[in-house]
Amino acid sequence: MKRIIIILLSSAMILLLAGLMVYFIFKHDTLRWGIAAGGIVLSALPLGLLFLKHNRINTPSIIGWYIFVICSICLGSLAGFYGRFAWWDTSVHFYKGIFTACIGVTLYKILVPEAARRGMSRLIPALFPLGLAITGSVLWEMYEFIGDMIASHTMQRGGNTDTMMDLLAGFFGGMLIAIYTGFRKQNV
């Protein structure tokens, strides 16, 4: 079932973004067709999971990835939500913090054997997803900075204020999952 979900969602997103890319090429909108091309690559990434012998990434995490691509690429950049709605950028960063922390919980379950988890403090399984969410936020801000320096000059309109708001939103999204994970340690 997971394979079918990955194939269907990847195919739908790739076709949608390819259509948008062609549309923006005909409109001579070089910035947005480039963003659509990047979205195609991001939409294809989960297809790599099909080559794993045992794909232990859960289905909600895979669906969460596509929600992130839709919110950040399709709605945020291509439909102009970042410019139209002041709250959109912060909301996407908050979601990214939650999503990245959830991926951290999934990786924790995959990488740490169950026997090792039994005697562990509640703090460790909570800090791992939080650390991953913070790292994801920092890497995303580096991407925005480099993208602005090389190409668009539109991702960090607010400069330091935008960067700090984005980092805080990612942190608080990750903190939400970290707190939940700390309380639910026996099931993690």
Protein backbone atom coordinates (compact mmCIF):
# COMPACT_ATOMS: atom_id res chain seq x y z
CA MET A 1 0.00 0.00 0.00
CA LYS A 2 2.85 2.36 0.88
CA ARG A 3 4.42 1.82 -2.56
CA ILE A 4 1.14 2.73 -4.27
CA ILE A 5 0.81 5.92 -2.18
CA ILE A 6 4.37 6.97 -3.02
CA ILE A 7 3.91 6.28 -6.74
CA LEU A 8 0.51 8.00 -6.94
CA LEU A 9 1.48 11.10 -4.94
CA SER A 10 4.85 11.47 -6.69
CA SER A 11 3.28 11.06 -10.12
CA ALA A 12 0.48 13.53 -9.39
CA MET A 13 2.87 16.14 -7.99
CA ILE A 14 5.40 15.70 -10.80
CA LEU A 15 2.68 16.06 -13.46
CA LEU A 16 1.19 19.12 -11.73
CA LEU A 17 4.55 20.83 -11.37
CA ALA A 18 5.65 19.87 -14.91
CA GLY A 19 2.45 21.46 -16.22
CA LEU A 20 3.12 24.58 -14.16
CA MET A 21 6.72 24.66 -15.36
CA VAL A 22 5.60 24.57 -19.01
CA TYR A 23 3.00 27.27 -18.28
CA PHE A 24 5.62 29.55 -16.71
CA ILE A 25 8.07 28.87 -19.56
CA PHE A 26 5.46 30.08 -22.05
CA LYS A 27 4.85 33.14 -19.86
CA HIS A 28 8.63 33.81 -19.85
CA ASP A 29 8.57 33.72 -16.04
CA THR A 30 12.07 32.35 -15.46
CA LEU A 31 11.92 32.57 -11.67
CA ARG A 32 8.73 30.52 -11.30
CA TRP A 33 9.55 27.87 -13.90
CA GLY A 34 12.81 27.31 -12.03
CA ILE A 35 10.89 26.94 -8.77
CA ALA A 36 8.51 24.47 -10.46
CA ALA A 37 11.53 22.48 -11.70
CA GLY A 38 12.88 22.35 -8.15
CA GLY A 39 9.45 21.19 -6.99
CA ILE A 40 9.61 18.33 -9.50
CA VAL A 41 12.89 17.19 -7.93
CA LEU A 42 11.43 17.46 -4.41
CA SER A 43 8.33 15.52 -5.47
CA ALA A 44 10.48 12.75 -6.92
CA LEU A 45 12.61 12.28 -3.78
CA PRO A 46 10.21 9.83 -2.06
CA LEU A 47 10.50 7.57 -5.11
CA GLY A 48 13.97 6.75 -3.79
CA LEU A 49 12.29 4.97 -0.87
CA LEU A 50 11.01 2.38 -3.35
CA PHE A 51 14.58 1.14 -3.84
CA LEU A 52 15.08 0.35 -0.16
CA LYS A 53 14.81 -3.31 0.75
CA HIS A 54 12.85 -2.46 3.91
CA ASN A 55 11.25 0.98 3.80
CA ARG A 56 10.51 1.75 7.45
CA ILE A 57 9.49 5.38 6.89
CA ASN A 58 5.82 5.51 7.88
CA THR A 59 3.05 6.59 5.50
CA PRO A 60 2.07 9.74 7.47
CA SER A 61 5.68 10.98 7.12
CA ILE A 62 5.56 10.44 3.36
CA ILE A 63 2.22 12.25 3.08
CA GLY A 64 3.63 15.01 5.31
CA TRP A 65 6.43 15.52 2.78
CA TYR A 66 3.94 16.19 0.01
CA ILE A 67 1.99 18.58 2.24
CA PHE A 68 5.25 20.47 2.75
CA VAL A 69 5.94 20.60 -1.01
CA ILE A 70 2.39 21.80 -1.73
CA CYS A 71 2.52 24.49 0.99
CA SER A 72 6.02 25.77 0.28
CA ILE A 73 6.44 25.34 -3.49
CA CYS A 74 2.96 25.25 -5.04
CA LEU A 75 1.07 27.64 -2.78
CA GLY A 76 3.91 29.64 -1.22
CA SER A 77 6.16 30.35 -4.19
CA LEU A 78 4.14 29.61 -7.33
CA ALA A 79 0.72 30.89 -6.19
CA GLY A 80 2.32 33.83 -4.38
CA PHE A 81 1.05 33.08 -0.86
CA TYR A 82 4.37 34.23 0.63
CA GLY A 83 3.76 37.72 -0.76
CA ARG A 84 -0.01 37.83 -0.25
CA PHE A 85 -0.30 36.54 3.29
CA ALA A 86 2.16 37.81 5.90
CA TRP A 87 1.52 34.78 8.11
CA TRP A 88 2.15 32.14 5.40
CA ASP A 89 5.96 32.03 5.68
CA THR A 90 5.91 31.63 9.46
CA SER A 91 3.18 28.97 9.23
CA VAL A 92 5.18 26.93 6.72
CA HIS A 93 8.27 27.15 8.96
CA PHE A 94 6.18 26.06 11.96
CA TYR A 95 4.85 23.09 9.97
CA LYS A 96 8.40 22.30 8.80
CA GLY A 97 9.52 22.20 12.45
CA ILE A 98 6.69 19.81 13.31
CA PHE A 99 7.32 17.68 10.22
CA THR A 100 11.09 17.50 10.72
CA ALA A 101 10.64 16.57 14.38
CA CYS A 102 8.18 13.83 13.39
CA ILE A 103 10.78 12.50 10.95
CA GLY A 104 13.20 12.62 13.90
CA VAL A 105 10.86 10.44 15.96
CA THR A 106 10.59 8.00 13.04
CA LEU A 107 14.39 7.88 12.64
CA TYR A 108 14.79 7.42 16.39
CA LYS A 109 12.49 4.38 16.25
CA ILE A 110 14.39 2.98 13.26
CA LEU A 111 17.94 3.63 14.50
CA VAL A 112 17.70 2.96 18.25
CA PRO A 113 16.95 -0.67 19.12
CA GLU A 114 13.93 -1.20 21.35
CA ALA A 115 16.06 -2.80 24.07
CA ALA A 116 18.22 0.35 24.27
CA ARG A 117 15.14 2.58 24.44
CA ARG A 118 13.76 0.89 27.56
CA GLY A 119 16.29 2.26 30.04
CA MET A 120 16.64 5.65 28.41
CA SER A 121 15.66 8.95 30.00
CA ARG A 122 12.59 10.76 28.63
CA LEU A 123 14.90 13.60 27.64
CA ILE A 124 16.85 11.72 24.94
CA PRO A 125 13.93 10.77 22.65
CA ALA A 126 12.60 14.32 23.06
CA LEU A 127 15.90 16.08 22.28
CA PHE A 128 16.64 14.08 19.12
CA PRO A 129 13.59 15.31 17.14
CA LEU A 130 14.05 18.84 18.52
CA GLY A 131 17.68 18.86 17.39
CA LEU A 132 16.65 17.64 13.95
CA ALA A 133 13.96 20.35 13.69
CA ILE A 134 16.47 23.05 14.65
CA THR A 135 19.03 21.70 12.18
CA GLY A 136 16.37 21.61 9.46
CA SER A 137 15.45 25.23 10.19
CA VAL A 138 19.08 26.36 10.04
CA LEU A 139 19.69 24.49 6.77
CA TRP A 140 16.52 25.99 5.28
CA GLU A 141 17.64 29.51 6.21
CA MET A 142 21.03 28.81 4.62
CA TYR A 143 19.17 27.70 1.47
CA GLU A 144 17.16 30.94 1.50
CA PHE A 145 20.30 33.04 2.01
CA ILE A 146 22.23 31.31 -0.78
CA GLY A 147 19.19 31.46 -3.08
CA ASP A 148 18.89 35.19 -2.48
CA MET A 149 22.59 35.74 -3.10
CA ILE A 150 22.61 33.74 -6.35
CA ALA A 151 19.20 34.16 -7.92
CA SER A 152 16.01 35.64 -6.58
CA HIS A 153 16.53 38.19 -3.77
CA THR A 154 12.96 37.41 -2.63
CA MET A 155 13.23 34.72 0.05
CA GLN A 156 14.48 36.84 2.94
CA ARG A 157 12.58 40.06 2.43
CA GLY A 158 12.67 40.92 6.11
CA GLY A 159 16.40 40.23 6.54
CA ASN A 160 17.38 39.30 10.10
CA THR A 161 13.82 39.66 11.38
CA ASP A 162 12.51 37.19 8.79
CA THR A 163 15.34 34.77 9.53
CA MET A 164 14.79 34.88 13.28
CA MET A 165 11.00 34.52 12.96
CA ASP A 166 11.52 31.50 10.68
CA LEU A 167 14.03 29.93 13.07
CA LEU A 168 11.74 30.52 16.05
CA ALA A 169 8.75 29.05 14.20
CA GLY A 170 10.76 25.94 13.30
CA PHE A 171 12.01 25.68 16.88
CA PHE A 172 8.52 25.96 18.38
CA GLY A 173 7.15 23.41 15.91
CA GLY A 174 9.94 21.01 16.89
CA MET A 175 9.45 21.81 20.59
CA LEU A 176 5.78 20.86 20.32
CA ILE A 177 6.71 17.38 19.07
CA ALA A 178 9.59 17.11 21.57
CA ILE A 179 7.24 17.79 24.49
CA TYR A 180 4.71 15.30 23.14
CA THR A 181 7.47 12.72 22.63
CA GLY A 182 8.78 13.25 26.16
CA PHE A 183 5.36 12.54 27.64
CA ARG A 184 4.74 9.58 25.32
CA LYS A 185 8.21 8.03 25.75
CA GLN A 186 6.91 4.55 26.52
CA ASN A 187 5.25 4.43 23.08
CA VAL A 188 8.17 5.97 21.17
